[in-house]
Amino acid sequence: MLQRAQALRERLIEIRRAIHRQPELGFQEFKTAQLVTDTLTELGIQVETGVGLTGVVGYLGQGGPTIALRADMDALPIQELNDVPYASQVSGVMHACGHDAHVACLLGAAMLLSGTELKGQVRFIFQPSEEEQDEEGKSGAMRMVEDGVMEGVDAVVALHTHVDTLAGTIDLMPGPMMATVDTFRGAILGQACHGAYPHKGTDAIVLAAQVIMAIQTIVSRRIRPLDSGVITVGIIQGGTKTNIVTDRVALAGTIRSFKPEIRQQLFDELERACGVARALGGDYELKIKPGYPTTANDEALTKFVRQVGIELLGPDKVGEAEAEMGAEDFSFLAACAPGCFFRLGVGFPGQEPRRGHNPYFDVNEEALPVGAAVLAEVARRYLEQNA
């Protein structure tokens, strides 16, 4: 399978670069969806479009067990700074998280499997909007699940680029691998007055500073040291003029955890930390928006994917992943069937990692045939062993 995938190298690079040049934000992946649809149709794979708004699903084979393979398609609102021939041609939008590579790998898997006799069905899920939620608070995976993409699925597998490991490798782990993420938005409220007479008002900026310092002690002093949690204040906005003591400072950020009880404790402690403003004569507003749950890999399926990887790539090319505080809406798919989310090494030898969500992000394209081969072989063997 790997040898066949290597023969597709140039085609996969071409696909990845075409998508990279024309990045699209969440639920706007029209050109990407059309490229996917055209490619699957050429392969003779049944195609359903408009799933989860802008998603595409391919169906190959029938009867027996069903395994789903998933790739996300959306880009990020980042201005690319790479000086490469395939750089983004869309101002302010860039594939800075590797989703273009994910699509290329999954299309490669479809190419490899399209001429194979299968003992069941492979469902190719090309998902919109992993990075963002719509006005109803729903991501692409949530929308696709609502549209029935996981009905009848017995297992689901996906990959994600990983810049810290070299191209040609994968790593994975059983159990919780990526964290739950929730967002919060709020405001610290004071009383405005002239900057020359601060004693006649209540300075919301000073109150916000106290609240932020209280937030920084939640994980270090309120959470058990052996548990994991992160609260990040990512936005702070306040003030309109240099000589006005402002009456309102907006705050927003994320809350990350693995365990449900820690998640709730972080919610409660954030409320208490904001209460510092009230104790100092001000007030606060706080709204917490639930986000993506923990991505937890099924133990048996992960063991199976690991064995396939070892036999396909060699034992030195398959590593043990570490849990990370990043989050993924693959978790919604894995809640419907046993799931395995593995990392595909895309690092460059002798170079510093090209970090994700960064204007200089890039991937080593030698990884594309590897990702395609692993996805295809996992699907083929899964159907063979579970028929």
Protein backbone atom coordinates (compact mmCIF):
# COMPACT_ATOMS: atom_id res chain seq x y z
CA MET A 1 0.00 0.00 0.00
CA LEU A 2 2.82 2.42 0.84
CA GLN A 3 4.52 1.78 -2.49
CA ARG A 4 1.27 2.49 -4.33
CA ALA A 5 0.81 5.65 -2.29
CA GLN A 6 4.32 6.84 -3.15
CA ALA A 7 3.37 6.55 -6.81
CA LEU A 8 0.64 9.15 -6.11
CA ARG A 9 3.11 11.61 -4.56
CA GLU A 10 3.02 14.25 -7.27
CA ARG A 11 -0.78 14.12 -7.55
CA LEU A 12 -1.21 14.53 -3.82
CA ILE A 13 1.20 17.46 -3.72
CA GLU A 14 -0.69 19.06 -6.59
CA ILE A 15 -4.00 18.66 -4.74
CA ARG A 16 -2.60 20.01 -1.48
CA ARG A 17 -1.11 23.05 -3.18
CA ALA A 18 -4.29 23.79 -5.13
CA ILE A 19 -6.23 23.86 -1.86
CA HIS A 20 -3.49 25.86 -0.14
CA ARG A 21 -3.65 28.57 -2.81
CA GLN A 22 -7.40 28.98 -2.36
CA PRO A 23 -8.07 28.66 1.39
CA GLU A 24 -11.62 29.03 2.65
CA LEU A 25 -12.95 29.74 6.13
CA GLY A 26 -15.43 27.55 7.97
CA PHE A 27 -18.73 26.83 6.20
CA GLN A 28 -17.35 28.66 3.13
CA GLU A 29 -15.41 25.73 1.65
CA PHE A 30 -17.16 25.82 -1.73
CA LYS A 31 -14.09 25.49 -4.00
CA THR A 32 -12.54 22.84 -1.78
CA ALA A 33 -15.79 20.87 -1.71
CA GLN A 34 -16.00 21.05 -5.49
CA LEU A 35 -12.43 19.77 -5.87
CA VAL A 36 -13.25 16.90 -3.52
CA THR A 37 -16.50 16.13 -5.34
CA ASP A 38 -14.83 16.13 -8.75
CA THR A 39 -12.00 13.88 -7.56
CA LEU A 40 -14.30 11.35 -5.91
CA THR A 41 -16.59 11.30 -8.94
CA GLU A 42 -13.62 10.59 -11.23
CA LEU A 43 -12.82 7.61 -9.02
CA GLY A 44 -16.35 6.26 -9.38
CA ILE A 45 -17.17 6.87 -5.72
CA GLN A 46 -20.74 7.80 -4.79
CA VAL A 47 -20.83 11.39 -3.58
CA GLU A 48 -23.21 13.33 -1.34
CA THR A 49 -22.75 17.09 -1.09
CA GLY A 50 -24.12 19.75 1.24
CA VAL A 51 -23.72 17.52 4.30
CA GLY A 52 -23.25 19.72 7.36
CA LEU A 53 -23.83 22.71 5.06
CA THR A 54 -20.64 22.56 2.97
CA GLY A 55 -19.34 19.07 3.70
CA VAL A 56 -18.87 16.20 1.25
CA VAL A 57 -19.27 12.47 1.90
CA GLY A 58 -18.03 9.68 -0.35
CA TYR A 59 -19.37 6.12 -0.15
CA LEU A 60 -17.28 3.19 -1.40
CA GLY A 61 -18.48 -0.39 -1.08
CA GLN A 62 -21.59 -1.75 0.57
CA GLY A 63 -22.72 -4.36 3.04
CA GLY A 64 -20.68 -5.60 5.98
CA PRO A 65 -19.07 -3.25 8.47
CA THR A 66 -18.55 0.48 7.82
CA ILE A 67 -15.47 2.50 8.68
CA ALA A 68 -15.39 6.28 8.30
CA LEU A 69 -12.27 8.28 7.45
CA ARG A 70 -12.43 12.02 8.12
CA ALA A 71 -10.56 15.13 6.95
CA ASP A 72 -11.38 18.73 7.84
CA MET A 73 -11.30 21.36 5.07
CA ASP A 74 -11.37 24.86 6.57
CA ALA A 75 -8.60 27.45 6.80
CA LEU A 76 -7.76 30.21 9.28
CA PRO A 77 -8.02 34.03 9.19
CA ILE A 78 -4.24 34.52 8.95
CA GLN A 79 -2.19 36.42 6.35
CA GLU A 80 0.40 33.99 4.97
CA LEU A 81 4.02 35.21 4.99
CA ASN A 82 5.67 32.20 3.31
CA ASP A 83 7.49 33.01 0.07
CA VAL A 84 6.52 29.87 -1.85
CA PRO A 85 4.88 29.32 -5.26
CA TYR A 86 1.80 27.82 -3.63
CA ALA A 87 1.24 30.58 -1.06
CA SER A 88 -2.32 31.65 -0.32
CA GLN A 89 -3.87 33.87 -2.97
CA VAL A 90 -6.66 34.94 -0.62
CA SER A 91 -5.86 37.99 1.46
CA GLY A 92 -6.05 37.35 5.18
CA VAL A 93 -6.85 33.64 4.86
CA MET A 94 -4.39 30.76 5.09
CA HIS A 95 -4.18 27.02 5.64
CA ALA A 96 -2.12 27.35 8.81
CA CYS A 97 -3.20 24.13 10.51
CA GLY A 98 -2.64 21.53 7.80
CA HIS A 99 -6.22 20.92 6.75
CA ASP A 100 -5.16 21.15 3.10
CA ALA A 101 -2.82 18.21 3.77
CA HIS A 102 -5.61 16.33 5.54
CA VAL A 103 -7.83 16.62 2.46
CA ALA A 104 -4.99 15.52 0.18
CA CYS A 105 -4.28 12.47 2.35
CA LEU A 106 -7.93 11.42 2.43
CA LEU A 107 -8.31 11.85 -1.31
CA GLY A 108 -5.16 9.77 -1.66
CA ALA A 109 -6.75 7.06 0.47
CA ALA A 110 -9.80 7.18 -1.79
CA MET A 111 -7.56 6.71 -4.84
CA LEU A 112 -5.84 3.73 -3.22
CA LEU A 113 -9.09 2.06 -2.20
CA SER A 114 -11.16 2.80 -5.30
CA GLY A 115 -9.68 -0.14 -7.14
CA THR A 116 -9.76 -2.49 -4.16
CA GLU A 117 -12.34 -5.16 -3.39
CA LEU A 118 -13.72 -4.21 0.02
CA LYS A 119 -15.56 -6.37 2.54
CA GLY A 120 -17.78 -3.54 3.70
CA GLN A 121 -18.06 0.20 3.21
CA VAL A 122 -15.58 3.05 3.56
CA ARG A 123 -17.19 6.41 4.22
CA PHE A 124 -14.99 9.38 3.31
CA ILE A 125 -15.99 12.39 5.41
CA PHE A 126 -14.75 15.77 4.20
CA GLN A 127 -15.80 18.04 7.02
CA PRO A 128 -16.26 21.82 7.06
CA SER A 129 -15.48 24.23 9.88
CA GLU A 130 -13.40 22.43 12.47
CA GLU A 131 -11.86 25.70 13.60
CA GLU A 132 -15.05 27.70 14.13
CA GLN A 133 -18.65 27.36 15.26
CA ASP A 134 -21.56 29.00 13.48
CA GLU A 135 -24.07 31.45 14.94
CA GLU A 136 -25.85 28.52 16.60
CA GLY A 137 -22.65 27.37 18.26
CA LYS A 138 -22.21 24.34 16.01
CA SER A 139 -19.04 23.20 14.28
CA GLY A 140 -18.74 21.18 11.09
CA ALA A 141 -18.60 17.86 12.90
CA MET A 142 -21.71 18.73 14.90
CA ARG A 143 -23.57 19.70 11.73
CA MET A 144 -22.52 16.54 9.91
CA VAL A 145 -23.56 14.32 12.81
CA GLU A 146 -26.96 16.03 12.77
CA ASP A 147 -27.19 15.24 9.06
CA GLY A 148 -26.61 11.55 9.77
CA VAL A 149 -23.04 11.11 8.57
CA MET A 150 -22.25 8.65 11.40
CA GLU A 151 -25.35 6.48 11.06
CA GLY A 152 -24.31 2.86 10.63
CA VAL A 153 -20.61 3.64 11.19
CA ASP A 154 -18.68 1.04 13.22
CA ALA A 155 -15.38 2.93 13.55
CA VAL A 156 -14.00 6.36 12.63
CA VAL A 157 -10.39 7.37 12.03
CA ALA A 158 -8.71 10.70 11.31
CA LEU A 159 -5.22 12.16 11.19
CA HIS A 160 -3.74 15.56 11.99
CA THR A 161 -0.45 17.05 10.89
CA HIS A 162 2.19 17.25 13.62
CA VAL A 163 5.14 19.59 13.10
CA ASP A 164 7.19 18.25 16.02
CA THR A 165 7.77 14.85 14.40
CA LEU A 166 9.41 14.14 11.06
CA ALA A 167 7.64 13.25 7.84
CA GLY A 168 7.30 9.50 7.47
CA THR A 169 6.18 8.93 11.05
CA ILE A 170 2.92 8.72 12.95
CA ASP A 171 2.16 8.74 16.66
CA LEU A 172 -0.93 7.92 18.66
CA MET A 173 -2.18 6.92 22.09
CA PRO A 174 -5.25 5.28 23.64
CA GLY A 175 -7.60 7.24 25.86
CA PRO A 176 -7.93 11.03 26.22
CA MET A 177 -5.61 12.66 23.69
CA MET A 178 -6.97 16.18 23.24
CA ALA A 179 -8.72 18.37 25.77
CA THR A 180 -12.20 19.75 26.20
CA VAL A 181 -12.34 23.44 25.26
CA ASP A 182 -14.96 25.99 26.31
CA THR A 183 -15.02 29.74 25.74
CA PHE A 184 -15.95 32.57 28.04
CA ARG A 185 -16.86 36.20 27.44
CA GLY A 186 -17.53 38.79 30.07
CA ALA A 187 -16.97 42.30 31.28
CA ILE A 188 -15.60 43.98 34.36
CA LEU A 189 -17.83 46.93 35.33
CA GLY A 190 -16.82 50.08 37.18
CA GLN A 191 -17.90 53.73 37.24
CA ALA A 192 -16.48 56.27 34.79
CA CYS A 193 -14.97 59.57 35.86
CA HIS A 194 -12.33 62.11 34.85
CA GLY A 195 -8.76 60.76 34.86
CA ALA A 196 -7.72 63.61 37.15
CA TYR A 197 -10.15 62.48 39.85
CA PRO A 198 -10.01 58.66 39.94
CA HIS A 199 -11.28 58.60 43.50
CA LYS A 200 -14.66 59.76 42.23
CA GLY A 201 -15.18 56.65 40.11
CA THR A 202 -14.33 52.95 40.05
CA ASP A 203 -11.59 52.09 37.57
CA ALA A 204 -12.64 49.02 35.56
CA ILE A 205 -9.11 48.59 34.20
CA VAL A 206 -7.68 48.27 37.69
CA LEU A 207 -10.47 45.88 38.63
CA ALA A 208 -9.81 43.82 35.48
CA ALA A 209 -6.12 43.58 36.40
CA GLN A 210 -7.06 42.15 39.80
CA VAL A 211 -9.50 39.71 38.20
CA ILE A 212 -6.90 38.52 35.68
CA MET A 213 -4.37 37.90 38.43
CA ALA A 214 -7.01 35.93 40.34
CA ILE A 215 -7.72 33.87 37.20
CA GLN A 216 -4.01 33.06 36.92
CA THR A 217 -4.07 31.39 40.33
CA ILE A 218 -7.04 29.09 39.60
CA VAL A 219 -5.04 26.23 38.07
CA SER A 220 -1.98 26.66 40.30
CA ARG A 221 -3.87 26.96 43.59
CA ARG A 222 -7.39 25.56 43.15
CA ILE A 223 -6.85 22.52 40.92
CA ARG A 224 -5.16 19.35 42.16
CA PRO A 225 -1.57 19.40 40.81
CA LEU A 226 -1.96 15.98 39.15
CA ASP A 227 -4.95 17.17 37.12
CA SER A 228 -4.79 19.27 33.97
CA GLY A 229 -6.40 22.60 33.23
CA VAL A 230 -5.70 25.85 31.41
CA ILE A 231 -7.56 29.16 31.45
CA THR A 232 -6.34 31.69 28.91
CA VAL A 233 -7.51 35.30 28.81
CA GLY A 234 -7.08 35.93 25.11
CA ILE A 235 -8.87 39.28 24.77
CA ILE A 236 -8.95 42.34 27.02
CA GLN A 237 -10.46 45.57 25.69
CA GLY A 238 -11.31 48.74 27.56
CA GLY A 239 -11.09 52.49 27.54
CA THR A 240 -12.00 55.18 25.02
CA LYS A 241 -9.79 58.17 25.92
CA THR A 242 -6.60 58.77 27.85
CA ASN A 243 -8.19 61.04 30.45
CA ILE A 244 -11.25 58.94 31.21
CA VAL A 245 -11.39 56.31 33.92
CA THR A 246 -13.28 53.65 32.02
CA ASP A 247 -16.37 51.93 33.35
CA ARG A 248 -16.15 48.72 31.29
CA VAL A 249 -13.43 46.25 30.28
CA ALA A 250 -14.31 43.28 28.11
CA LEU A 251 -12.60 39.92 28.71
CA ALA A 252 -12.71 36.73 26.66
CA GLY A 253 -10.77 33.48 26.55
CA THR A 254 -10.77 29.71 26.71
CA ILE A 255 -11.08 27.04 29.39
CA ARG A 256 -9.42 23.65 28.80
CA SER A 257 -9.59 20.41 30.75
CA PHE A 258 -9.83 16.63 30.43
CA LYS A 259 -12.09 15.51 33.27
CA PRO A 260 -15.76 16.55 33.60
CA GLU A 261 -15.34 17.35 37.30
CA ILE A 262 -12.31 19.56 36.61
CA ARG A 263 -14.21 21.27 33.81
CA GLN A 264 -17.01 22.18 36.21
CA GLN A 265 -14.54 23.26 38.88
CA LEU A 266 -12.87 25.62 36.41
CA PHE A 267 -16.25 27.12 35.55
CA ASP A 268 -16.99 27.69 39.24
CA GLU A 269 -13.56 29.12 40.02
CA LEU A 270 -13.73 31.50 37.07
CA GLU A 271 -17.00 32.85 38.46
CA ARG A 272 -15.36 33.32 41.86
CA ALA A 273 -12.34 35.07 40.36
CA CYS A 274 -14.57 37.53 38.52
CA GLY A 275 -16.26 38.17 41.85
CA VAL A 276 -13.10 39.99 42.96
CA ALA A 277 -14.43 42.96 40.98
CA ARG A 278 -17.58 42.97 43.09
CA ALA A 279 -15.59 42.81 46.31
CA LEU A 280 -13.65 45.92 45.23
CA GLY A 281 -16.73 48.00 44.49
CA GLY A 282 -17.40 47.05 40.88
CA ASP A 283 -19.35 44.30 39.18
CA TYR A 284 -18.98 41.77 36.39
CA GLU A 285 -20.76 39.89 33.62
CA LEU A 286 -19.75 36.35 32.61
CA LYS A 287 -21.03 33.88 30.04
CA ILE A 288 -19.45 30.47 29.45
CA LYS A 289 -20.12 28.74 26.13
CA PRO A 290 -19.61 24.95 26.02
CA GLY A 291 -17.30 23.88 23.22
CA TYR A 292 -15.68 20.64 22.05
CA PRO A 293 -15.52 17.67 24.42
CA THR A 294 -12.39 15.61 25.09
CA THR A 295 -11.10 13.60 22.14
CA ALA A 296 -10.60 10.11 23.56
CA ASN A 297 -9.22 7.28 21.43
CA ASP A 298 -10.81 3.85 21.67
CA GLU A 299 -8.24 1.47 23.12
CA ALA A 300 -8.89 -1.51 20.81
CA LEU A 301 -9.11 0.58 17.65
CA THR A 302 -5.95 2.51 18.56
CA LYS A 303 -4.07 -0.74 19.13
CA PHE A 304 -5.25 -1.90 15.70
CA VAL A 305 -4.17 1.34 13.96
CA ARG A 306 -0.80 1.16 15.70
CA GLN A 307 -0.23 -2.38 14.45
CA VAL A 308 -1.15 -1.41 10.91
CA GLY A 309 1.26 1.52 11.13
CA ILE A 310 4.08 -0.69 12.39
CA GLU A 311 3.60 -3.22 9.62
CA LEU A 312 3.27 -0.52 6.97
CA LEU A 313 5.99 1.94 8.06
CA GLY A 314 8.18 0.01 10.48
CA PRO A 315 8.29 0.03 14.28
CA ASP A 316 10.70 2.98 14.40
CA LYS A 317 8.20 5.15 12.53
CA VAL A 318 5.30 4.71 14.97
CA GLY A 319 5.57 6.63 18.22
CA GLU A 320 3.65 7.14 21.43
CA ALA A 321 1.76 10.43 21.43
CA GLU A 322 1.36 12.65 24.45
CA ALA A 323 -1.96 14.18 25.47
CA GLU A 324 -2.25 17.86 24.58
CA MET A 325 -4.48 20.71 25.67
CA GLY A 326 -5.53 21.52 22.11
CA ALA A 327 -9.07 20.54 21.16
CA GLU A 328 -10.75 18.91 18.15
CA ASP A 329 -14.35 18.49 17.06
CA PHE A 330 -13.46 14.99 15.88
CA SER A 331 -14.64 14.23 19.41
CA PHE A 332 -18.25 14.53 18.21
CA LEU A 333 -17.66 11.82 15.59
CA ALA A 334 -15.84 9.61 18.10
CA ALA A 335 -18.83 9.94 20.44
CA CYS A 336 -20.92 8.10 17.82
CA ALA A 337 -18.54 5.17 17.19
CA PRO A 338 -15.14 3.95 18.40
CA GLY A 339 -12.60 6.47 17.17
CA CYS A 340 -8.87 6.84 16.64
CA PHE A 341 -7.20 10.21 16.03
CA PHE A 342 -3.52 9.92 15.13
CA ARG A 343 -0.79 12.43 14.35
CA LEU A 344 1.02 12.50 11.04
CA GLY A 345 4.58 13.77 11.22
CA VAL A 346 5.16 16.67 8.79
CA GLY A 347 8.40 18.09 10.19
CA PHE A 348 11.41 19.04 8.05
CA PRO A 349 14.79 17.43 8.89
CA GLY A 350 17.21 19.92 10.42
CA GLN A 351 14.64 22.73 10.62
CA GLU A 352 12.72 24.31 13.45
CA PRO A 353 9.05 23.22 13.51
CA ARG A 354 6.75 25.39 11.39
CA ARG A 355 4.17 26.01 14.10
CA GLY A 356 0.44 25.83 13.46
CA HIS A 357 -1.81 28.92 13.52
CA ASN A 358 1.23 30.91 12.42
CA PRO A 359 1.80 32.85 9.16
CA TYR A 360 4.91 30.76 8.45
CA PHE A 361 3.27 27.37 8.94
CA ASP A 362 4.06 24.73 6.32
CA VAL A 363 4.22 20.96 6.00
CA ASN A 364 6.77 18.55 4.57
CA GLU A 365 4.83 17.16 1.62
CA GLU A 366 6.74 13.87 1.76
CA ALA A 367 4.24 13.01 4.50
CA LEU A 368 1.24 13.04 2.15
CA PRO A 369 1.69 9.52 0.71
CA VAL A 370 2.33 8.21 4.22
CA GLY A 371 -0.95 9.66 5.53
CA ALA A 372 -2.85 8.34 2.52
CA ALA A 373 -1.36 4.87 2.86
CA VAL A 374 -2.07 4.57 6.59
CA LEU A 375 -5.69 5.69 6.20
CA ALA A 376 -6.28 3.33 3.27
CA GLU A 377 -4.62 0.32 4.87
CA VAL A 378 -6.41 0.85 8.18
CA ALA A 379 -9.75 0.92 6.35
CA ARG A 380 -8.98 -2.11 4.19
CA ARG A 381 -7.77 -4.28 7.05
CA TYR A 382 -10.54 -3.15 9.39
CA LEU A 383 -13.19 -4.29 6.93
CA GLU A 384 -11.32 -7.52 6.24
CA GLN A 385 -11.01 -8.41 9.93
CA ASN A 386 -14.55 -7.43 10.88
CA ALA A 387 -16.49 -8.79 7.90
